[in-house]
């Protein structure tokens, strides 16, 4: 794992077409801005884990995993 220190308005570049900007630091929270092509999917870890669990349940034919509301309605 690469660990970097960044200040507000500084960026980290990943490859040729993804950059992560530090937008705001407030207490123990950091707001990030992610600039990536539309084909690149970007998720918070908990959302990604929920999607993986739902996909696994769907392929196993199970429906006992609760639905997660991603607020897309």
C-alpha atoms as a PDB file:
ATOM      1  CA  UNK A   1       0.000   0.000   0.000  1.00  0.00           C
ATOM      2  CA  UNK A   2       1.280   3.426  -0.940  1.00  0.00           C
ATOM      3  CA  UNK A   3       0.695   6.074   1.745  1.00  0.00           C
ATOM      4  CA  UNK A   4       0.826   9.737   0.732  1.00  0.00           C
ATOM      5  CA  UNK A   5       0.335  13.047   2.491  1.00  0.00           C
ATOM      6  CA  UNK A   6      -1.676  15.663   0.609  1.00  0.00           C
ATOM      7  CA  UNK A   7      -3.074  19.088   1.438  1.00  0.00           C
ATOM      8  CA  UNK A   8      -6.302  20.711   0.269  1.00  0.00           C
ATOM      9  CA  UNK A   9      -6.384  21.183  -3.521  1.00  0.00           C
ATOM     10  CA  UNK A  10      -3.480  18.774  -4.059  1.00  0.00           C
ATOM     11  CA  UNK A  11      -3.970  15.685  -6.215  1.00  0.00           C
ATOM     12  CA  UNK A  12      -2.856  12.108  -6.617  1.00  0.00           C
ATOM     13  CA  UNK A  13      -2.744  10.815 -10.198  1.00  0.00           C
ATOM     14  CA  UNK A  14      -3.470   7.160 -10.985  1.00  0.00           C
ATOM     15  CA  UNK A  15      -2.440   6.138 -14.478  1.00  0.00           C
ATOM     16  CA  UNK A  16      -3.116   8.554 -17.321  1.00  0.00           C
ATOM     17  CA  UNK A  17      -6.785   9.282 -16.713  1.00  0.00           C
ATOM     18  CA  UNK A  18      -7.667   9.164 -12.995  1.00  0.00           C
ATOM     19  CA  UNK A  19      -6.949  11.832 -10.420  1.00  0.00           C
ATOM     20  CA  UNK A  20      -8.005  12.137  -6.793  1.00  0.00           C
ATOM     21  CA  UNK A  21      -8.174  15.638  -5.298  1.00  0.00           C
ATOM     22  CA  UNK A  22      -8.374  16.615  -1.648  1.00  0.00           C
ATOM     23  CA  UNK A  23     -11.399  18.926  -1.541  1.00  0.00           C
ATOM     24  CA  UNK A  24     -11.850  19.510   2.181  1.00  0.00           C
ATOM     25  CA  UNK A  25     -10.499  18.336   5.519  1.00  0.00           C
ATOM     26  CA  UNK A  26     -12.867  18.766   8.455  1.00  0.00           C
ATOM     27  CA  UNK A  27     -12.000  17.069  11.740  1.00  0.00           C
ATOM     28  CA  UNK A  28     -11.538  13.369  11.041  1.00  0.00           C
ATOM     29  CA  UNK A  29     -13.212  13.459   7.609  1.00  0.00           C
ATOM     30  CA  UNK A  30     -11.651  14.117   4.228  1.00  0.00           C
ATOM     31  CA  UNK A  31     -13.721  14.995   1.154  1.00  0.00           C
ATOM     32  CA  UNK A  32     -12.264  13.622  -2.052  1.00  0.00           C
ATOM     33  CA  UNK A  33     -12.939  14.570  -5.642  1.00  0.00           C
ATOM     34  CA  UNK A  34     -12.360  11.763  -8.126  1.00  0.00           C
ATOM     35  CA  UNK A  35     -11.944  12.531 -11.811  1.00  0.00           C
ATOM     36  CA  UNK A  36     -12.146   9.361 -13.879  1.00  0.00           C
ATOM     37  CA  UNK A  37     -13.630   8.255 -17.207  1.00  0.00           C
ATOM     38  CA  UNK A  38     -17.295   7.228 -17.085  1.00  0.00           C
ATOM     39  CA  UNK A  39     -16.297   3.635 -17.871  1.00  0.00           C
ATOM     40  CA  UNK A  40     -14.415   3.431 -14.546  1.00  0.00           C
ATOM     41  CA  UNK A  41     -16.725   2.523 -11.675  1.00  0.00           C
ATOM     42  CA  UNK A  42     -15.961   4.284  -8.394  1.00  0.00           C
ATOM     43  CA  UNK A  43     -17.674   3.147  -5.162  1.00  0.00           C
ATOM     44  CA  UNK A  44     -17.318   3.658  -1.434  1.00  0.00           C
ATOM     45  CA  UNK A  45     -16.080   0.392   0.122  1.00  0.00           C
ATOM     46  CA  UNK A  46     -19.363  -0.358   1.930  1.00  0.00           C
ATOM     47  CA  UNK A  47     -21.364   0.109  -1.290  1.00  0.00           C
ATOM     48  CA  UNK A  48     -18.946  -2.085  -3.236  1.00  0.00           C
ATOM     49  CA  UNK A  49     -19.224  -4.813  -0.571  1.00  0.00           C
ATOM     50  CA  UNK A  50     -23.039  -4.643  -0.687  1.00  0.00           C
ATOM     51  CA  UNK A  51     -23.039  -4.941  -4.480  1.00  0.00           C
ATOM     52  CA  UNK A  52     -20.698  -7.946  -4.331  1.00  0.00           C
ATOM     53  CA  UNK A  53     -22.913  -9.611  -1.695  1.00  0.00           C
ATOM     54  CA  UNK A  54     -26.052  -9.036  -3.780  1.00  0.00           C
ATOM     55  CA  UNK A  55     -24.347 -10.397  -6.896  1.00  0.00           C
ATOM     56  CA  UNK A  56     -23.148 -13.458  -5.004  1.00  0.00           C
ATOM     57  CA  UNK A  57     -26.629 -14.062  -3.612  1.00  0.00           C
ATOM     58  CA  UNK A  58     -28.168 -13.673  -7.068  1.00  0.00           C
ATOM     59  CA  UNK A  59     -25.800 -16.211  -8.606  1.00  0.00           C
ATOM     60  CA  UNK A  60     -26.476 -18.627  -5.746  1.00  0.00           C
ATOM     61  CA  UNK A  61     -30.244 -18.173  -6.118  1.00  0.00           C
ATOM     62  CA  UNK A  62     -30.609 -16.738  -2.610  1.00  0.00           C
ATOM     63  CA  UNK A  63     -32.783 -13.790  -1.678  1.00  0.00           C
ATOM     64  CA  UNK A  64     -32.099 -13.600   2.070  1.00  0.00           C
ATOM     65  CA  UNK A  65     -29.597 -10.715   1.787  1.00  0.00           C
ATOM     66  CA  UNK A  66     -31.368  -7.411   2.494  1.00  0.00           C
ATOM     67  CA  UNK A  67     -31.594  -4.850  -0.292  1.00  0.00           C
ATOM     68  CA  UNK A  68     -29.385  -1.793   0.090  1.00  0.00           C
ATOM     69  CA  UNK A  69     -30.848   1.600  -0.823  1.00  0.00           C
ATOM     70  CA  UNK A  70     -28.186   3.550  -2.731  1.00  0.00           C
ATOM     71  CA  UNK A  71     -30.388   6.640  -2.967  1.00  0.00           C
ATOM     72  CA  UNK A  72     -30.597   6.551  -6.762  1.00  0.00           C
ATOM     73  CA  UNK A  73     -34.387   6.956  -6.877  1.00  0.00           C
END
